[in-house]
């Protein structure tokens, strides 16, 4: 009885074990009919059916390769789970995709990919045509954004123009320089325009380009500032000159070693016409950084010169004689009054410095000075004063032969004796002479020549515009 129970128990245990083993040997069944969506993503697992054969794997893989139409004469051979793929593929990506497909197929243990990439002809324009088609599709898709961008660009242009005009109107009465008003109005309009361009690029989906525009604006400004430093310096100097106006058109100035009449001031430089009738164009940066001597700002001009008299003559008498001559001269101003001062005691003369003032807008300083020097010489001679030459000491170490005066006079030609005893010719009493050509200023003649000449710079005259306003 006990043996029977033991036998029944062992049989139940044996049946239970067989049942569990049978359940473990039953494989799971899955369907593998997913569609291929992209070239680069092959199926992760291709199942045929449980206990597939090599022939079934061949048929399944060949059918998939032919269905894609990416391969020419595709063939698949499977031997003991090793798949051999041959034929031609259009691209390397297709070839790799076929290998991944076979590798992920159920019961395939290895893949030998013998696919050859079909060489393209040099006359094959298919890639170019495909690219053109793609660009055409993108252009059609971008048409709405393009139209919106054009609309926004037009609005940006309108807003920038309006802001520039409003700024120009606001500063019209506050800033005397029209150039400065234009610069400020454009400085306000440019940020408005750049902000509009930024919005257009952002709306069009070109965010990276929009950020590049914002970042590149400052970089471009630095590059332009370095490359055009001298031009920018002249431009800023022209703005400062047009604001401060240290001189006006027609003024006689001296700057940087050049003296002339101001003809025009442009954004590049200042044009002068020298008293020789030549055009001189000086960069505005040089004008602004150098000392400017304006002879026209104050019409009264002073000149001076030095005259020496003999030690035996009276210095006070010489001063009175020259002072009277200055007071009688028609071109010399009484206020400020002329002066005759003793400056120094020279080696052989007492030197007097003569100071006199004229109206530079009416008279030429060079002509009046010539007349005064000439009349000073005549006044000194008429007063019995002398103007000796400077004393010189000459040493003859070896001696020099001497001839007695009486003997020399007896042998001299008669007309030489007359010339030795002749008296110097007296100066004419006229204040002006023909050589000096009157005392009128040369400015009028220079302006006349400037009107007849062709200026080298055709730019807008900043001073002329400012003075007209």
Protein backbone atom coordinates (compact mmCIF):
# COMPACT_ATOMS: atom_id res chain seq x y z
CA UNK A 1 0.00 0.00 0.00
CA UNK A 2 2.82 2.33 0.93
CA UNK A 3 4.68 1.41 -2.25
CA UNK A 4 1.58 2.31 -4.29
CA UNK A 5 1.32 5.78 -2.67
CA UNK A 6 4.96 6.46 -3.30
CA UNK A 7 4.60 5.47 -6.96
CA UNK A 8 1.54 7.77 -7.38
CA UNK A 9 3.48 10.69 -5.78
CA UNK A 10 6.48 10.17 -8.02
CA UNK A 11 4.24 10.02 -11.07
CA UNK A 12 2.52 13.29 -10.14
CA UNK A 13 5.88 14.99 -9.65
CA UNK A 14 7.13 13.65 -13.00
CA UNK A 15 4.02 14.86 -14.83
CA UNK A 16 4.30 18.28 -13.24
CA UNK A 17 7.92 18.56 -14.35
CA UNK A 18 7.09 17.52 -17.91
CA UNK A 19 4.29 20.08 -18.04
CA UNK A 20 6.59 22.91 -16.93
CA UNK A 21 9.25 21.89 -19.47
CA UNK A 22 6.72 21.80 -22.24
CA UNK A 23 5.53 25.28 -21.35
CA UNK A 24 9.10 26.60 -21.38
CA UNK A 25 9.76 25.18 -24.86
CA UNK A 26 6.79 27.04 -26.43
CA UNK A 27 8.19 30.26 -28.07
CA UNK A 28 6.34 33.54 -28.24
CA UNK A 29 4.91 34.43 -31.67
CA UNK A 30 5.09 38.01 -32.96
CA UNK A 31 4.22 39.56 -36.34
CA UNK A 32 6.91 41.64 -38.14
CA UNK A 33 5.13 43.57 -40.90
CA UNK A 34 6.05 47.17 -39.91
CA UNK A 35 6.50 49.63 -42.82
CA UNK A 36 9.88 51.25 -43.56
CA UNK A 37 9.70 54.97 -42.79
CA UNK A 38 13.25 56.24 -43.35
CA UNK A 39 16.51 55.16 -44.90
CA UNK A 40 18.59 55.59 -41.76
CA UNK A 41 16.24 53.74 -39.38
CA UNK A 42 15.99 50.01 -40.23
CA UNK A 43 13.60 47.75 -38.24
CA UNK A 44 15.03 46.73 -34.91
CA UNK A 45 13.60 43.17 -35.16
CA UNK A 46 12.26 41.33 -38.24
CA UNK A 47 10.43 38.16 -37.36
CA UNK A 48 9.34 35.55 -39.89
CA UNK A 49 7.64 32.87 -37.88
CA UNK A 50 8.75 30.35 -35.26
CA UNK A 51 11.32 27.85 -36.41
CA UNK A 52 11.98 29.67 -39.71
CA UNK A 53 14.16 28.14 -42.37
CA UNK A 54 16.98 29.73 -44.35
CA UNK A 55 14.79 29.76 -47.48
CA UNK A 56 12.05 31.66 -45.67
CA UNK A 57 14.57 34.28 -44.52
CA UNK A 58 15.89 34.67 -48.08
CA UNK A 59 12.42 35.19 -49.50
CA UNK A 60 11.45 37.65 -46.78
CA UNK A 61 14.58 39.82 -47.15
CA UNK A 62 14.51 39.80 -50.97
CA UNK A 63 10.85 40.86 -50.98
CA UNK A 64 11.64 43.77 -48.63
CA UNK A 65 14.63 44.92 -50.70
CA UNK A 66 12.67 44.77 -53.97
CA UNK A 67 9.73 46.63 -52.41
CA UNK A 68 11.88 49.64 -51.53
CA UNK A 69 13.04 50.02 -55.18
CA UNK A 70 16.37 51.29 -53.84
CA UNK A 71 18.34 48.30 -55.10
CA UNK A 72 19.18 46.85 -58.51
CA UNK A 73 18.99 43.02 -58.82
CA UNK A 74 19.04 42.37 -55.07
CA UNK A 75 19.80 38.75 -54.06
CA UNK A 76 19.84 37.18 -50.60
CA UNK A 77 21.31 33.80 -49.71
CA UNK A 78 21.08 32.38 -46.18
CA UNK A 79 23.21 29.48 -45.05
CA UNK A 80 22.96 28.31 -41.45
CA UNK A 81 21.69 31.74 -40.36
CA UNK A 82 24.40 33.67 -42.24
CA UNK A 83 22.84 36.12 -44.74
CA UNK A 84 24.75 37.01 -47.94
CA UNK A 85 23.39 40.15 -49.66
CA UNK A 86 24.46 41.05 -53.21
CA UNK A 87 23.33 43.46 -55.91
CA UNK A 88 23.68 47.22 -56.37
CA UNK A 89 22.54 50.05 -54.10
CA UNK A 90 21.95 53.66 -55.09
CA UNK A 91 23.78 55.20 -52.14
CA UNK A 92 25.95 54.22 -49.20
CA UNK A 93 23.05 54.91 -46.89
CA UNK A 94 20.89 52.36 -48.75
CA UNK A 95 23.69 49.80 -48.55
CA UNK A 96 24.04 50.29 -44.81
CA UNK A 97 20.27 50.17 -44.40
CA UNK A 98 20.11 46.74 -46.12
CA UNK A 99 22.82 45.37 -43.83
CA UNK A 100 20.99 46.63 -40.74
CA UNK A 101 17.74 45.09 -42.04
CA UNK A 102 19.30 41.63 -42.44
CA UNK A 103 21.11 41.91 -39.12
CA UNK A 104 17.86 42.62 -37.27
CA UNK A 105 15.98 39.73 -38.95
CA UNK A 106 14.98 36.78 -36.73
CA UNK A 107 17.34 33.79 -36.70
CA UNK A 108 20.04 35.69 -38.70
CA UNK A 109 23.33 35.29 -36.84
CA UNK A 110 25.64 37.14 -39.25
CA UNK A 111 25.45 39.33 -42.34
CA UNK A 112 27.86 39.53 -45.30
CA UNK A 113 27.00 42.71 -47.20
CA UNK A 114 28.22 42.45 -50.81
CA UNK A 115 26.08 45.26 -52.15
CA UNK A 116 27.91 47.57 -54.55
CA UNK A 117 27.11 51.28 -54.74
CA UNK A 118 26.15 52.20 -58.29
CA UNK A 119 28.66 54.75 -59.66
CA UNK A 120 27.02 57.92 -60.87
CA UNK A 121 27.68 59.37 -64.30
CA UNK A 122 29.34 62.76 -64.54
CA UNK A 123 26.39 63.82 -66.70
CA UNK A 124 23.86 62.82 -64.07
CA UNK A 125 22.05 65.98 -63.05
CA UNK A 126 19.56 64.17 -60.89
CA UNK A 127 20.98 65.50 -57.59
CA UNK A 128 20.90 69.04 -58.95
CA UNK A 129 17.34 68.60 -60.15
CA UNK A 130 16.33 67.15 -56.80
CA UNK A 131 17.96 70.12 -55.04
CA UNK A 132 16.16 72.54 -57.35
CA UNK A 133 12.86 70.85 -56.61
CA UNK A 134 13.56 71.01 -52.89
CA UNK A 135 14.43 74.69 -53.11
CA UNK A 136 11.29 75.32 -55.14
CA UNK A 137 9.15 73.62 -52.52
CA UNK A 138 10.86 75.62 -49.76
CA UNK A 139 10.36 78.84 -51.74
CA UNK A 140 6.65 78.12 -52.14
CA UNK A 141 6.36 77.30 -48.45
CA UNK A 142 8.26 80.48 -47.52
CA UNK A 143 6.13 82.75 -49.72
CA UNK A 144 3.74 83.80 -46.91
CA UNK A 145 6.66 84.59 -44.62
CA UNK A 146 8.35 86.49 -47.45
CA UNK A 147 5.28 88.63 -48.04
CA UNK A 148 4.96 89.29 -44.32
CA UNK A 149 8.65 90.21 -44.17
CA UNK A 150 8.26 92.68 -47.06
CA UNK A 151 5.28 94.24 -45.31
CA UNK A 152 7.24 94.58 -42.07
CA UNK A 153 10.23 95.99 -43.95
CA UNK A 154 8.04 98.67 -45.49
CA UNK A 155 6.61 99.55 -42.07
CA UNK A 156 10.13 99.63 -40.63
CA UNK A 157 11.27 102.02 -43.36
CA UNK A 158 8.27 104.27 -42.75
CA UNK A 159 8.81 104.35 -38.97
CA UNK A 160 12.55 105.02 -39.37
CA UNK A 161 11.87 107.89 -41.81
CA UNK A 162 9.20 109.36 -39.53
CA UNK A 163 11.48 109.16 -36.50
CA UNK A 164 14.27 110.90 -38.44
CA UNK A 165 11.97 113.72 -39.55
CA UNK A 166 10.50 114.17 -36.09
CA UNK A 167 13.98 114.33 -34.53
CA UNK A 168 15.12 116.83 -37.19
CA UNK A 169 12.09 119.03 -36.49
CA UNK A 170 12.63 118.88 -32.71
CA UNK A 171 16.26 119.99 -32.96
CA UNK A 172 15.76 122.52 -35.75
CA UNK A 173 15.55 125.51 -33.38
CA UNK A 174 17.85 124.10 -30.72
CA UNK A 175 20.90 123.23 -32.80
CA UNK A 176 22.38 125.87 -35.12
CA UNK A 177 24.36 123.36 -37.19
CA UNK A 178 22.34 121.58 -39.90
CA UNK A 179 25.02 118.88 -40.11
CA UNK A 180 24.61 118.09 -36.42
CA UNK A 181 20.84 117.95 -36.83
CA UNK A 182 21.21 115.46 -39.67
CA UNK A 183 23.64 113.33 -37.67
CA UNK A 184 21.39 113.21 -34.58
CA UNK A 185 18.25 112.45 -36.60
CA UNK A 186 20.00 109.59 -38.40
CA UNK A 187 21.42 108.31 -35.12
CA UNK A 188 17.83 108.01 -33.85
CA UNK A 189 16.51 106.43 -37.06
CA UNK A 190 19.21 103.73 -37.36
CA UNK A 191 18.26 101.85 -34.12
CA UNK A 192 14.61 101.89 -35.23
CA UNK A 193 15.58 100.39 -38.58
CA UNK A 194 17.81 97.72 -36.99
CA UNK A 195 15.06 96.76 -34.54
CA UNK A 196 12.65 96.31 -37.46
CA UNK A 197 15.15 94.07 -39.28
CA UNK A 198 15.56 92.04 -36.10
CA UNK A 199 11.79 91.51 -35.85
CA UNK A 200 11.59 90.46 -39.50
CA UNK A 201 14.30 87.85 -39.03
CA UNK A 202 12.72 86.51 -35.85
CA UNK A 203 9.28 86.21 -37.46
CA UNK A 204 10.82 84.49 -40.47
CA UNK A 205 12.39 81.91 -38.18
CA UNK A 206 15.93 83.15 -38.76
CA UNK A 207 16.71 83.59 -35.08
CA UNK A 208 20.39 82.82 -35.47
CA UNK A 209 20.77 85.42 -38.20
CA UNK A 210 18.86 87.93 -36.05
CA UNK A 211 21.29 87.42 -33.19
CA UNK A 212 24.17 87.70 -35.64
CA UNK A 213 22.79 91.04 -36.84
CA UNK A 214 22.62 92.36 -33.30
CA UNK A 215 26.08 91.11 -32.40
CA UNK A 216 27.62 92.06 -35.70
CA UNK A 217 26.40 95.65 -35.56
CA UNK A 218 28.81 96.51 -32.76
CA UNK A 219 31.63 94.56 -34.40
CA UNK A 220 31.08 96.30 -37.73
CA UNK A 221 31.12 99.63 -35.93
CA UNK A 222 34.50 98.81 -34.37
CA UNK A 223 35.95 97.64 -37.69
CA UNK A 224 34.70 100.73 -39.51
CA UNK A 225 36.03 102.97 -36.74
CA UNK A 226 39.50 101.44 -37.04
CA UNK A 227 39.59 101.30 -40.84
CA UNK A 228 38.22 104.81 -41.37
CA UNK A 229 39.69 106.48 -38.31
CA UNK A 230 41.01 109.53 -40.17
CA UNK A 231 37.76 109.98 -42.11
CA UNK A 232 35.71 109.67 -38.92
CA UNK A 233 38.03 112.13 -37.17
CA UNK A 234 37.59 114.67 -39.97
CA UNK A 235 33.82 114.16 -39.92
CA UNK A 236 33.58 114.75 -36.16
CA UNK A 237 35.87 117.77 -36.47
CA UNK A 238 33.61 119.20 -39.20
CA UNK A 239 30.63 118.86 -36.84
CA UNK A 240 32.49 120.69 -34.07
CA UNK A 241 33.67 123.42 -36.45
CA UNK A 242 30.14 123.94 -37.78
CA UNK A 243 28.86 124.22 -34.19
CA UNK A 244 31.58 126.45 -32.72
CA UNK A 245 32.37 128.37 -35.96
CA UNK A 246 35.80 129.79 -35.07
CA UNK A 247 35.75 131.56 -38.43
CA UNK A 248 33.29 132.53 -41.15
CA UNK A 249 33.33 132.57 -44.92
CA UNK A 250 35.67 135.24 -46.25
CA UNK A 251 37.76 135.44 -43.05
CA UNK A 252 41.51 135.72 -43.40
CA UNK A 253 42.98 133.07 -41.10
CA UNK A 254 46.31 131.40 -40.45
CA UNK A 255 46.43 127.76 -39.33
CA UNK A 256 49.06 125.05 -39.60
CA UNK A 257 51.51 127.38 -41.36
CA UNK A 258 48.95 128.29 -44.04
CA UNK A 259 47.38 131.74 -44.42
CA UNK A 260 44.42 132.45 -46.65
CA UNK A 261 40.78 133.41 -47.05
CA UNK A 262 38.18 130.81 -46.01
CA UNK A 263 36.21 129.62 -49.06
CA UNK A 264 34.25 126.62 -47.79
CA UNK A 265 34.11 123.96 -45.06
CA UNK A 266 33.00 120.45 -46.06
CA UNK A 267 32.85 117.17 -44.14
CA UNK A 268 36.36 116.44 -45.40
CA UNK A 269 38.32 119.67 -44.92
CA UNK A 270 38.51 123.46 -45.01
CA UNK A 271 39.36 125.20 -48.28
CA UNK A 272 41.52 128.34 -48.19
CA UNK A 273 42.67 130.62 -50.96
CA UNK A 274 46.07 132.01 -50.12
CA UNK A 275 47.13 135.57 -50.89
CA UNK A 276 49.11 134.04 -53.77
CA UNK A 277 45.83 132.87 -55.36
CA UNK A 278 46.35 129.16 -54.62
CA UNK A 279 43.79 126.74 -53.18
CA UNK A 280 44.85 124.98 -49.97
CA UNK A 281 42.62 122.25 -48.52
CA UNK A 282 43.37 121.43 -44.88
CA UNK A 283 41.77 118.42 -43.10
CA UNK A 284 39.25 119.49 -40.49
CA UNK A 285 41.03 117.44 -37.84
CA UNK A 286 44.16 119.55 -38.45
CA UNK A 287 42.09 122.73 -38.30
CA UNK A 288 40.47 121.74 -35.01
CA UNK A 289 43.67 120.59 -33.30
CA UNK A 290 45.90 123.51 -34.34
CA UNK A 291 46.09 127.15 -33.31
CA UNK A 292 43.84 129.32 -35.49
CA UNK A 293 44.80 132.95 -36.02
CA UNK A 294 41.81 134.91 -37.33
CA UNK A 295 42.81 138.26 -38.81
CA UNK A 296 39.23 139.21 -39.71
CA UNK A 297 37.46 138.57 -36.42
CA UNK A 298 38.93 141.84 -35.13
CA UNK A 299 39.24 144.23 -38.10
CA UNK A 300 41.91 146.26 -36.31
CA UNK A 301 45.39 144.97 -37.06
CA UNK A 302 48.72 146.13 -35.71
CA UNK A 303 52.08 146.04 -37.42
CA UNK A 304 55.52 147.12 -36.25
CA UNK A 305 59.04 147.61 -37.55
CA UNK A 306 62.47 148.64 -36.22
CA UNK A 307 64.44 151.78 -37.14
CA UNK A 308 67.86 152.87 -35.83
CA UNK A 309 69.27 156.43 -35.39
CA UNK A 310 72.76 157.69 -34.65
CA UNK A 311 73.94 157.98 -31.05
CA UNK A 312 74.67 161.66 -31.68
CA UNK A 313 71.02 162.31 -32.59
CA UNK A 314 68.22 162.96 -30.12
CA UNK A 315 66.02 159.89 -29.56
CA UNK A 316 63.14 162.11 -28.30
CA UNK A 317 63.27 164.19 -31.44
CA UNK A 318 63.22 161.06 -33.59
CA UNK A 319 60.20 159.77 -31.63
CA UNK A 320 58.32 163.03 -32.09
CA UNK A 321 59.08 163.16 -35.81
CA UNK A 322 57.91 159.60 -36.43
CA UNK A 323 54.87 160.02 -34.14
CA UNK A 324 53.78 163.14 -36.07
CA UNK A 325 54.16 161.28 -39.33
CA UNK A 326 51.96 158.44 -38.02
CA UNK A 327 49.28 160.81 -36.85
CA UNK A 328 49.17 162.47 -40.25
CA UNK A 329 48.91 159.17 -42.15
CA UNK A 330 45.42 158.55 -43.52
CA UNK A 331 45.47 154.76 -42.97
CA UNK A 332 46.76 154.79 -39.37
CA UNK A 333 44.09 154.65 -36.66
CA UNK A 334 44.03 157.15 -33.81
CA UNK A 335 42.46 154.57 -31.49
CA UNK A 336 44.42 152.58 -30.57
CA UNK A 337 47.01 155.26 -30.93
CA UNK A 338 50.36 154.59 -32.63
CA UNK A 339 53.52 154.37 -30.55
CA UNK A 340 57.24 154.93 -31.08
CA UNK A 341 59.27 153.30 -28.32
CA UNK A 342 63.01 153.03 -27.68
CA UNK A 343 63.63 149.30 -27.76
CA UNK A 344 67.37 148.86 -27.33
CA UNK A 345 70.83 150.38 -27.65
CA UNK A 346 72.52 148.66 -30.57
CA UNK A 347 76.18 148.46 -31.49
CA UNK A 348 76.04 151.65 -33.54
CA UNK A 349 72.40 152.81 -33.38
CA UNK A 350 69.65 153.59 -30.95
CA UNK A 351 66.84 151.29 -32.08
CA UNK A 352 63.26 152.54 -32.06
CA UNK A 353 60.23 150.21 -32.43
CA UNK A 354 57.30 151.74 -34.34
CA UNK A 355 53.76 150.39 -33.63
CA UNK A 356 50.71 151.34 -35.69
CA UNK A 357 47.10 150.12 -36.10
CA UNK A 358 45.02 149.92 -39.26
CA UNK A 359 41.53 148.79 -40.23
CA UNK A 360 42.21 145.42 -41.83
CA UNK A 361 38.80 145.28 -43.49
CA UNK A 362 39.66 148.37 -45.57
CA UNK A 363 43.44 148.53 -45.84
CA UNK A 364 46.20 146.11 -46.63
CA UNK A 365 48.68 145.71 -43.78
CA UNK A 366 51.59 145.02 -46.17
CA UNK A 367 50.90 148.13 -48.28
CA UNK A 368 50.40 150.47 -45.30
CA UNK A 369 53.51 149.13 -43.62
CA UNK A 370 55.54 149.82 -46.77
CA UNK A 371 54.22 153.39 -46.91
CA UNK A 372 54.94 154.03 -43.22
CA UNK A 373 58.52 152.73 -43.46
CA UNK A 374 59.12 154.88 -46.53
CA UNK A 375 57.68 157.99 -44.85
CA UNK A 376 59.65 157.29 -41.67
CA UNK A 377 62.89 157.35 -43.62
CA UNK A 378 61.86 160.65 -45.24
CA UNK A 379 60.82 162.22 -41.90
CA UNK A 380 64.12 161.26 -40.27
CA UNK A 381 66.12 162.67 -43.17
CA UNK A 382 64.08 165.91 -43.23
CA UNK A 383 64.67 166.34 -39.51
CA UNK A 384 68.45 166.17 -39.97
CA UNK A 385 68.76 162.81 -38.25
CA UNK A 386 70.92 160.01 -39.54
CA UNK A 387 70.51 156.28 -39.72
CA UNK A 388 74.05 154.87 -39.69
CA UNK A 389 74.94 151.39 -40.70
CA UNK A 390 75.91 148.85 -38.08
CA UNK A 391 79.55 149.18 -36.96
CA UNK A 392 81.92 146.51 -38.12
CA UNK A 393 85.46 145.81 -36.98
CA UNK A 394 87.78 144.46 -39.68
CA UNK A 395 91.29 143.27 -38.77
CA UNK A 396 94.08 143.02 -41.36
CA UNK A 397 96.93 141.02 -39.76
CA UNK A 398 99.34 141.65 -42.70
CA UNK A 399 98.51 145.31 -43.12
CA UNK A 400 96.86 147.09 -46.07
CA UNK A 401 98.15 149.78 -48.46
CA UNK A 402 96.67 153.27 -47.89
CA UNK A 403 96.23 156.01 -50.51
CA UNK A 404 95.95 159.63 -49.48
CA UNK A 405 92.59 161.29 -50.30
CA UNK A 406 94.13 164.39 -51.87
CA UNK A 407 96.19 162.32 -54.33
CA UNK A 408 93.12 160.16 -55.19
CA UNK A 409 90.95 163.22 -55.91
CA UNK A 410 93.52 164.65 -58.36
CA UNK A 411 93.54 161.43 -60.44
CA UNK A 412 89.77 160.80 -60.29
CA UNK A 413 87.55 161.35 -63.32
CA UNK A 414 85.54 164.59 -63.21
CA UNK A 415 82.10 162.96 -63.17
CA UNK A 416 83.23 160.62 -60.35
CA UNK A 417 84.12 163.67 -58.29
CA UNK A 418 80.62 165.02 -58.80
CA UNK A 419 79.01 161.75 -57.83
CA UNK A 420 81.05 161.50 -54.62
CA UNK A 421 79.80 164.85 -53.45
CA UNK A 422 76.18 164.36 -54.59
CA UNK A 423 73.35 164.48 -52.04
CA UNK A 424 70.93 161.50 -51.79
CA UNK A 425 67.61 162.06 -53.56
CA UNK A 426 64.77 163.13 -51.30
CA UNK A 427 61.75 160.89 -50.76
CA UNK A 428 58.48 162.08 -52.39
CA UNK A 429 55.98 163.71 -50.07
CA UNK A 430 53.04 161.59 -51.23
CA UNK A 431 51.62 159.09 -48.75
CA UNK A 432 50.97 156.59 -51.53
CA UNK A 433 53.04 155.84 -54.57
CA UNK A 434 52.46 153.93 -57.75
CA UNK A 435 54.41 150.88 -56.61
CA UNK A 436 52.24 150.37 -53.53
CA UNK A 437 49.09 150.63 -55.64
CA UNK A 438 46.85 152.10 -52.98
CA UNK A 439 46.08 150.85 -49.52
CA UNK A 440 42.98 148.76 -50.32
CA UNK A 441 42.85 145.26 -48.87
CA UNK A 442 43.59 142.24 -51.04
CA UNK A 443 40.59 140.35 -49.63
CA UNK A 444 38.26 141.73 -52.30
CA UNK A 445 40.63 140.66 -55.06
CA UNK A 446 41.02 137.21 -53.48
CA UNK A 447 37.24 136.79 -53.26
CA UNK A 448 36.89 137.79 -56.90
CA UNK A 449 39.48 135.21 -57.92
CA UNK A 450 37.73 132.59 -55.79
CA UNK A 451 34.46 133.17 -57.61
CA UNK A 452 36.17 132.75 -60.96
CA UNK A 453 38.07 129.61 -59.91
CA UNK A 454 36.78 126.03 -59.65
CA UNK A 455 36.88 124.64 -56.09
CA UNK A 456 38.56 121.22 -55.78
CA UNK A 457 35.90 119.93 -53.36
CA UNK A 458 32.27 119.98 -54.52
CA UNK A 459 30.83 119.01 -51.11
CA UNK A 460 28.20 121.01 -49.29
CA UNK A 461 29.49 124.16 -47.62
CA UNK A 462 28.67 123.75 -43.93
CA UNK A 463 29.40 127.36 -42.98
CA UNK A 464 27.36 128.71 -45.89
CA UNK A 465 24.33 126.62 -44.84
CA UNK A 466 24.66 127.64 -41.21
CA UNK A 467 24.98 131.35 -42.03
CA UNK A 468 21.98 131.30 -44.37
CA UNK A 469 19.84 129.85 -41.60
